[in-house]
């Protein structure tokens, strides 16, 4: 009796491990999202300067500054404004000394993050009671 109980527990544990491996290693939920080289360098700057301590992306991060998920489209694609903010700071934001290349990399990062969707989700309630989320279907052209 004890042997069959142990075998049953081992079977359950094995199924649990296989199930979790399949769930957490699949990319079917978010597709094949990848950033350009320039945007990856912008992300590195974002992390290096600890921007996520004050700002959020998709609602995750600090709460001192605003969520920057859709800052590119909120500023109507005004890259000059964004690049000036990077160095001048506003309120509690420190003044960084980014060169032009670094400002372009950060702008590319925000541009590509902005293309992935909306935060907070923009949804409409349909007549049948279903909630329909709004997704971005066009990409910005250079």
N, C-alpha and C. Protein backbone atom coordinates (compact mmCIF):
# COMPACT_ATOMS: atom_id res chain seq x y z
N UNK A 1 0.82 -1.20 0.00
CA UNK A 1 0.00 0.00 0.00
C UNK A 1 0.87 1.26 0.00
N UNK A 2 1.91 1.28 0.77
CA UNK A 2 2.78 2.45 0.85
C UNK A 2 3.51 2.69 -0.47
N UNK A 3 3.88 1.61 -1.15
CA UNK A 3 4.59 1.75 -2.42
C UNK A 3 3.69 2.39 -3.47
N UNK A 4 2.43 1.97 -3.55
CA UNK A 4 1.52 2.54 -4.54
C UNK A 4 1.22 4.01 -4.22
N UNK A 5 1.17 4.36 -2.95
CA UNK A 5 0.97 5.75 -2.54
C UNK A 5 2.15 6.61 -2.98
N UNK A 6 3.36 6.12 -2.80
CA UNK A 6 4.56 6.85 -3.22
C UNK A 6 4.62 6.97 -4.74
N UNK A 7 4.25 5.91 -5.43
CA UNK A 7 4.24 5.95 -6.90
C UNK A 7 3.22 6.97 -7.40
N UNK A 8 2.07 7.02 -6.75
CA UNK A 8 1.03 7.97 -7.13
C UNK A 8 1.52 9.41 -6.92
N UNK A 9 2.17 9.68 -5.80
CA UNK A 9 2.71 11.01 -5.52
C UNK A 9 3.80 11.38 -6.53
N UNK A 10 4.66 10.42 -6.87
CA UNK A 10 5.69 10.67 -7.87
C UNK A 10 5.08 10.97 -9.24
N UNK A 11 4.04 10.27 -9.59
CA UNK A 11 3.34 10.51 -10.84
C UNK A 11 2.74 11.92 -10.86
N UNK A 12 2.08 12.30 -9.78
CA UNK A 12 1.50 13.64 -9.69
C UNK A 12 2.58 14.72 -9.77
N UNK A 13 3.68 14.51 -9.08
CA UNK A 13 4.77 15.46 -9.11
C UNK A 13 5.36 15.57 -10.52
N UNK A 14 5.52 14.45 -11.18
CA UNK A 14 6.04 14.45 -12.55
C UNK A 14 5.11 15.19 -13.50
N UNK A 15 3.81 14.95 -13.39
CA UNK A 15 2.84 15.66 -14.22
C UNK A 15 2.85 17.16 -13.94
N UNK A 16 2.99 17.52 -12.67
CA UNK A 16 3.06 18.92 -12.28
C UNK A 16 4.27 19.60 -12.91
N UNK A 17 5.43 18.95 -12.88
CA UNK A 17 6.64 19.51 -13.46
C UNK A 17 6.51 19.65 -14.97
N UNK A 18 6.00 18.64 -15.64
CA UNK A 18 5.82 18.69 -17.10
C UNK A 18 4.83 19.79 -17.49
N UNK A 19 3.72 19.87 -16.76
CA UNK A 19 2.71 20.89 -17.04
C UNK A 19 3.29 22.30 -16.89
N UNK A 20 3.99 22.55 -15.80
CA UNK A 20 4.57 23.88 -15.57
C UNK A 20 5.65 24.20 -16.57
N UNK A 21 6.45 23.23 -16.95
CA UNK A 21 7.48 23.47 -17.97
C UNK A 21 6.82 23.90 -19.27
N UNK A 22 5.76 23.20 -19.65
CA UNK A 22 5.07 23.54 -20.90
C UNK A 22 4.42 24.91 -20.83
N UNK A 23 3.78 25.22 -19.73
CA UNK A 23 3.09 26.51 -19.59
C UNK A 23 4.07 27.67 -19.59
N UNK A 24 5.16 27.57 -18.84
CA UNK A 24 6.05 28.71 -18.65
C UNK A 24 7.18 28.81 -19.67
N UNK A 25 7.27 27.89 -20.60
CA UNK A 25 8.29 28.01 -21.63
C UNK A 25 7.71 28.24 -23.02
N UNK A 26 6.40 28.26 -23.15
CA UNK A 26 5.78 28.50 -24.45
C UNK A 26 5.70 30.00 -24.72
N UNK A 27 5.78 30.38 -25.99
CA UNK A 27 5.71 31.79 -26.37
C UNK A 27 4.40 32.09 -27.07
N UNK A 28 3.44 31.18 -27.04
CA UNK A 28 2.21 31.37 -27.79
C UNK A 28 1.38 32.54 -27.27
N UNK A 29 1.51 32.90 -26.01
CA UNK A 29 0.69 33.97 -25.45
C UNK A 29 1.15 35.35 -25.88
N UNK A 30 2.42 35.55 -26.11
CA UNK A 30 2.90 36.88 -26.43
C UNK A 30 3.62 36.96 -27.76
N UNK A 31 3.64 35.91 -28.51
CA UNK A 31 4.22 35.95 -29.85
C UNK A 31 5.72 36.12 -29.85
N UNK A 32 6.22 36.59 -30.95
CA UNK A 32 7.65 36.75 -31.13
C UNK A 32 8.00 38.24 -31.09
N UNK A 33 8.01 38.79 -29.87
CA UNK A 33 8.31 40.21 -29.71
C UNK A 33 9.80 40.37 -29.50
N UNK A 34 10.41 41.21 -30.29
CA UNK A 34 11.83 41.48 -30.08
C UNK A 34 12.11 42.94 -30.41
N UNK A 35 13.02 43.51 -29.66
CA UNK A 35 13.39 44.90 -29.85
C UNK A 35 14.55 45.00 -30.83
N UNK A 36 14.62 46.13 -31.51
CA UNK A 36 15.75 46.38 -32.40
C UNK A 36 17.01 46.58 -31.57
N UNK A 37 18.16 46.56 -32.23
CA UNK A 37 19.43 46.76 -31.51
C UNK A 37 19.46 48.11 -30.79
N UNK A 38 18.96 49.13 -31.47
CA UNK A 38 18.96 50.46 -30.86
C UNK A 38 18.04 50.50 -29.64
N UNK A 39 16.87 49.88 -29.74
CA UNK A 39 15.94 49.85 -28.61
C UNK A 39 16.51 49.02 -27.45
N UNK A 40 17.23 47.95 -27.76
CA UNK A 40 17.87 47.16 -26.71
C UNK A 40 18.91 47.98 -25.95
N UNK A 41 19.62 48.82 -26.68
CA UNK A 41 20.59 49.70 -26.02
C UNK A 41 19.86 50.73 -25.16
N UNK A 42 18.70 51.19 -25.63
CA UNK A 42 17.88 52.09 -24.84
C UNK A 42 17.36 51.42 -23.57
N UNK A 43 16.99 50.14 -23.70
CA UNK A 43 16.56 49.39 -22.51
C UNK A 43 17.70 49.25 -21.52
N UNK A 44 18.90 49.03 -22.04
CA UNK A 44 20.08 48.94 -21.16
C UNK A 44 20.28 50.24 -20.40
N UNK A 45 20.11 51.38 -21.08
CA UNK A 45 20.21 52.68 -20.41
C UNK A 45 19.12 52.83 -19.35
N UNK A 46 17.91 52.40 -19.68
CA UNK A 46 16.77 52.43 -18.75
C UNK A 46 17.12 51.67 -17.47
N UNK A 47 17.69 50.50 -17.64
CA UNK A 47 18.05 49.68 -16.48
C UNK A 47 19.28 50.22 -15.75
N UNK A 48 20.28 50.65 -16.51
CA UNK A 48 21.52 51.15 -15.92
C UNK A 48 21.29 52.37 -15.03
N UNK A 49 20.38 53.24 -15.46
CA UNK A 49 20.10 54.46 -14.70
C UNK A 49 18.94 54.28 -13.72
N UNK A 50 18.48 53.03 -13.57
CA UNK A 50 17.48 52.67 -12.57
C UNK A 50 16.18 53.47 -12.74
N UNK A 51 15.79 53.69 -13.98
CA UNK A 51 14.58 54.48 -14.26
C UNK A 51 13.32 53.79 -13.71
N UNK A 52 13.34 52.45 -13.67
CA UNK A 52 12.18 51.70 -13.19
C UNK A 52 11.93 51.89 -11.70
N UNK A 53 12.86 52.50 -10.99
CA UNK A 53 12.64 52.77 -9.57
C UNK A 53 11.57 53.85 -9.39
N UNK A 54 11.45 54.74 -10.36
CA UNK A 54 10.46 55.83 -10.27
C UNK A 54 9.33 55.69 -11.28
N UNK A 55 9.61 55.12 -12.45
CA UNK A 55 8.62 55.02 -13.52
C UNK A 55 8.18 53.57 -13.71
N UNK A 56 7.05 53.43 -14.38
CA UNK A 56 6.53 52.10 -14.69
C UNK A 56 6.48 51.88 -16.20
N UNK A 57 6.53 50.61 -16.56
CA UNK A 57 6.17 50.14 -17.89
C UNK A 57 5.10 49.10 -17.66
N UNK A 58 3.96 49.23 -18.31
CA UNK A 58 2.82 48.34 -18.12
C UNK A 58 2.39 48.27 -16.65
N UNK A 59 2.54 49.37 -15.92
CA UNK A 59 2.10 49.43 -14.53
C UNK A 59 3.07 48.81 -13.55
N UNK A 60 4.21 48.35 -14.01
CA UNK A 60 5.20 47.72 -13.13
C UNK A 60 6.39 48.64 -12.95
N UNK A 61 6.73 48.94 -11.72
CA UNK A 61 7.86 49.80 -11.42
C UNK A 61 7.51 50.73 -10.27
N UNK A 62 8.25 51.82 -10.18
CA UNK A 62 8.04 52.78 -9.10
C UNK A 62 6.82 53.65 -9.35
N UNK A 63 6.47 54.43 -8.32
CA UNK A 63 5.27 55.26 -8.40
C UNK A 63 5.55 56.74 -8.26
N UNK A 64 6.80 57.14 -8.25
CA UNK A 64 7.13 58.56 -8.14
C UNK A 64 6.86 59.27 -9.46
N UNK A 65 7.22 58.64 -10.56
CA UNK A 65 7.00 59.22 -11.89
C UNK A 65 5.86 58.51 -12.60
N UNK A 66 5.46 59.02 -13.76
CA UNK A 66 4.33 58.42 -14.49
C UNK A 66 4.70 57.13 -15.20
N UNK A 67 3.68 56.38 -15.60
CA UNK A 67 3.86 55.20 -16.43
C UNK A 67 4.27 55.67 -17.82
N UNK A 68 5.32 55.07 -18.38
CA UNK A 68 5.86 55.51 -19.66
C UNK A 68 5.58 54.53 -20.81
N UNK A 69 4.66 53.61 -20.61
CA UNK A 69 4.37 52.62 -21.64
C UNK A 69 4.00 53.29 -22.96
N UNK A 70 3.12 54.26 -22.93
CA UNK A 70 2.65 54.90 -24.16
C UNK A 70 3.07 56.36 -24.26
N UNK A 71 4.19 56.71 -23.68
CA UNK A 71 4.64 58.10 -23.71
C UNK A 71 4.94 58.57 -25.13
N UNK A 72 5.37 57.68 -25.98
CA UNK A 72 5.70 58.06 -27.37
C UNK A 72 4.45 58.56 -28.10
N UNK A 73 3.35 57.83 -28.00
CA UNK A 73 2.13 58.27 -28.69
C UNK A 73 1.40 59.36 -27.91
N UNK A 74 1.53 59.39 -26.58
CA UNK A 74 0.90 60.46 -25.80
C UNK A 74 1.50 61.82 -26.14
N UNK A 75 2.80 61.84 -26.43
CA UNK A 75 3.47 63.08 -26.81
C UNK A 75 3.39 63.28 -28.32
N UNK A 76 2.49 62.56 -28.98
CA UNK A 76 2.25 62.69 -30.42
C UNK A 76 3.53 62.52 -31.24
N UNK A 77 4.33 61.55 -30.81
CA UNK A 77 5.56 61.17 -31.51
C UNK A 77 6.56 62.32 -31.59
N UNK A 78 6.53 63.21 -30.60
CA UNK A 78 7.43 64.36 -30.55
C UNK A 78 8.75 63.93 -29.93
N UNK A 79 9.66 63.44 -30.76
CA UNK A 79 10.93 62.91 -30.25
C UNK A 79 11.81 64.00 -29.65
N UNK A 80 11.71 65.22 -30.14
CA UNK A 80 12.52 66.32 -29.60
C UNK A 80 12.12 66.59 -28.15
N UNK A 81 10.82 66.61 -27.88
CA UNK A 81 10.35 66.81 -26.51
C UNK A 81 10.87 65.71 -25.59
N UNK A 82 10.71 64.47 -26.03
CA UNK A 82 11.16 63.34 -25.20
C UNK A 82 12.66 63.41 -24.94
N UNK A 83 13.44 63.70 -25.96
CA UNK A 83 14.89 63.75 -25.80
C UNK A 83 15.31 64.90 -24.89
N UNK A 84 14.57 65.99 -24.88
CA UNK A 84 14.88 67.09 -23.97
C UNK A 84 14.55 66.71 -22.52
N UNK A 85 13.47 65.98 -22.33
CA UNK A 85 13.10 65.53 -20.98
C UNK A 85 14.17 64.61 -20.41
N UNK A 86 14.77 63.77 -21.25
CA UNK A 86 15.80 62.84 -20.77
C UNK A 86 16.93 63.58 -20.06
N UNK A 87 17.30 64.74 -20.56
CA UNK A 87 18.43 65.48 -19.98
C UNK A 87 18.02 66.56 -18.99
N UNK A 88 16.84 67.16 -19.15
CA UNK A 88 16.49 68.27 -18.28
C UNK A 88 15.81 67.82 -17.00
N UNK A 89 15.07 66.72 -17.07
CA UNK A 89 14.34 66.27 -15.90
C UNK A 89 13.16 67.19 -15.61
N UNK A 90 12.21 66.68 -14.87
CA UNK A 90 11.04 67.47 -14.47
C UNK A 90 10.77 67.14 -13.02
N UNK A 91 10.56 68.13 -12.19
CA UNK A 91 10.24 67.89 -10.78
C UNK A 91 11.36 67.13 -10.09
N UNK A 92 11.03 65.95 -9.60
CA UNK A 92 12.00 65.13 -8.85
C UNK A 92 12.93 64.34 -9.76
N UNK A 93 12.68 64.36 -11.07
CA UNK A 93 13.53 63.59 -11.99
C UNK A 93 14.90 64.24 -12.10
N UNK A 94 15.95 63.46 -11.91
CA UNK A 94 17.30 64.05 -12.00
C UNK A 94 17.65 64.43 -13.44
N UNK A 95 18.61 65.31 -13.57
CA UNK A 95 19.11 65.70 -14.89
C UNK A 95 20.18 64.71 -15.30
N UNK A 96 19.93 64.02 -16.38
CA UNK A 96 20.92 63.08 -16.90
C UNK A 96 21.74 63.78 -17.97
N UNK A 97 22.88 63.23 -18.23
CA UNK A 97 23.75 63.81 -19.26
C UNK A 97 23.91 62.80 -20.40
N UNK A 98 22.80 62.51 -21.06
CA UNK A 98 22.82 61.59 -22.19
C UNK A 98 23.33 62.32 -23.42
N UNK A 99 24.16 61.64 -24.20
CA UNK A 99 24.57 62.23 -25.48
C UNK A 99 23.48 61.96 -26.52
N UNK A 100 23.65 62.48 -27.72
CA UNK A 100 22.61 62.34 -28.75
C UNK A 100 22.33 60.89 -29.10
N UNK A 101 23.35 60.08 -29.15
CA UNK A 101 23.16 58.66 -29.46
C UNK A 101 22.32 57.98 -28.39
N UNK A 102 22.62 58.25 -27.13
CA UNK A 102 21.87 57.64 -26.03
C UNK A 102 20.41 58.13 -26.03
N UNK A 103 20.20 59.39 -26.35
CA UNK A 103 18.82 59.91 -26.41
C UNK A 103 18.05 59.22 -27.53
N UNK A 104 18.70 58.97 -28.66
CA UNK A 104 18.04 58.25 -29.76
C UNK A 104 17.73 56.81 -29.37
N UNK A 105 18.62 56.19 -28.62
CA UNK A 105 18.40 54.82 -28.17
C UNK A 105 17.21 54.75 -27.21
N UNK A 106 17.13 55.68 -26.27
CA UNK A 106 15.99 55.71 -25.35
C UNK A 106 14.68 55.98 -26.10
N UNK A 107 14.74 56.87 -27.08
CA UNK A 107 13.54 57.16 -27.87
C UNK A 107 13.10 55.92 -28.64
N UNK A 108 14.05 55.19 -29.21
CA UNK A 108 13.71 53.95 -29.93
C UNK A 108 13.09 52.93 -28.97
N UNK A 109 13.60 52.85 -27.76
CA UNK A 109 13.05 51.94 -26.74
C UNK A 109 11.59 52.30 -26.45
N UNK A 110 11.31 53.57 -26.19
CA UNK A 110 9.93 53.98 -25.88
C UNK A 110 9.02 53.83 -27.09
N UNK A 111 9.54 54.08 -28.26
CA UNK A 111 8.76 53.93 -29.49
C UNK A 111 8.33 52.47 -29.68
N UNK A 112 9.26 51.54 -29.48
CA UNK A 112 8.94 50.14 -29.69
C UNK A 112 8.08 49.57 -28.56
N UNK A 113 8.28 50.04 -27.35
CA UNK A 113 7.41 49.62 -26.24
C UNK A 113 5.99 50.12 -26.49
N UNK A 114 5.87 51.34 -26.98
CA UNK A 114 4.56 51.93 -27.25
C UNK A 114 3.78 51.11 -28.27
N UNK A 115 4.47 50.51 -29.23
CA UNK A 115 3.81 49.74 -30.29
C UNK A 115 3.23 48.42 -29.81
N UNK A 116 3.61 47.97 -28.61
CA UNK A 116 3.17 46.66 -28.15
C UNK A 116 1.76 46.66 -27.59
N UNK A 117 1.21 47.82 -27.28
CA UNK A 117 -0.15 47.85 -26.77
C UNK A 117 -0.42 49.08 -25.94
N UNK A 118 -1.53 49.05 -25.23
CA UNK A 118 -1.94 50.17 -24.41
C UNK A 118 -1.85 49.79 -22.94
N UNK A 119 -1.49 50.75 -22.12
CA UNK A 119 -1.59 50.57 -20.68
C UNK A 119 -2.13 51.87 -20.10
N UNK A 120 -3.15 51.85 -19.30
CA UNK A 120 -3.95 50.67 -18.99
C UNK A 120 -4.74 50.23 -20.22
N UNK A 121 -5.18 48.98 -20.19
CA UNK A 121 -5.92 48.44 -21.34
C UNK A 121 -7.11 49.32 -21.67
N UNK A 122 -7.31 49.54 -22.94
CA UNK A 122 -8.47 50.29 -23.39
C UNK A 122 -9.49 49.28 -23.88
N UNK A 123 -10.61 49.19 -23.18
CA UNK A 123 -11.59 48.17 -23.48
C UNK A 123 -12.97 48.79 -23.68
N UNK A 124 -13.79 48.11 -24.46
CA UNK A 124 -15.19 48.50 -24.64
C UNK A 124 -16.06 47.31 -24.29
N UNK A 125 -17.21 47.60 -23.74
CA UNK A 125 -18.16 46.57 -23.38
C UNK A 125 -19.14 46.40 -24.53
N UNK A 126 -19.20 45.18 -25.08
CA UNK A 126 -20.07 44.93 -26.21
C UNK A 126 -21.48 44.63 -25.72
N UNK A 127 -22.45 44.63 -26.63
CA UNK A 127 -23.86 44.43 -26.28
C UNK A 127 -24.11 43.07 -25.63
N UNK A 128 -23.32 42.06 -26.00
CA UNK A 128 -23.52 40.73 -25.43
C UNK A 128 -22.83 40.56 -24.07
N UNK A 129 -22.22 41.63 -23.58
CA UNK A 129 -21.57 41.57 -22.27
C UNK A 129 -20.09 41.24 -22.32
N UNK A 130 -19.57 40.98 -23.51
CA UNK A 130 -18.15 40.64 -23.64
C UNK A 130 -17.31 41.91 -23.57
N UNK A 131 -16.13 41.77 -23.05
CA UNK A 131 -15.19 42.88 -22.95
C UNK A 131 -14.21 42.77 -24.11
N UNK A 132 -14.12 43.79 -24.94
CA UNK A 132 -13.24 43.77 -26.10
C UNK A 132 -12.07 44.71 -25.85
N UNK A 133 -10.85 44.16 -25.82
CA UNK A 133 -9.66 44.96 -25.61
C UNK A 133 -9.21 45.59 -26.91
N UNK A 134 -8.64 46.76 -26.81
CA UNK A 134 -8.13 47.47 -27.98
C UNK A 134 -6.64 47.21 -28.10
N UNK A 135 -6.21 46.78 -29.26
CA UNK A 135 -4.80 46.50 -29.52
C UNK A 135 -4.29 47.45 -30.58
N UNK A 136 -2.99 47.66 -30.57
CA UNK A 136 -2.38 48.48 -31.62
C UNK A 136 -2.14 47.59 -32.82
N UNK A 137 -2.60 48.02 -33.98
CA UNK A 137 -2.45 47.19 -35.17
C UNK A 137 -1.56 47.81 -36.23
N UNK A 138 -1.06 49.00 -35.97
CA UNK A 138 -0.15 49.61 -36.93
C UNK A 138 1.17 49.92 -36.25
N UNK A 139 2.21 49.80 -37.01
CA UNK A 139 3.55 50.10 -36.49
C UNK A 139 3.98 51.45 -37.02
N UNK A 140 4.78 52.13 -36.23
CA UNK A 140 5.27 53.44 -36.64
C UNK A 140 6.31 53.27 -37.73
N UNK A 141 6.26 54.15 -38.68
CA UNK A 141 7.24 54.14 -39.76
C UNK A 141 8.31 55.15 -39.45
N UNK A 142 9.52 54.87 -39.88
CA UNK A 142 10.64 55.81 -39.69
C UNK A 142 10.50 56.98 -40.63
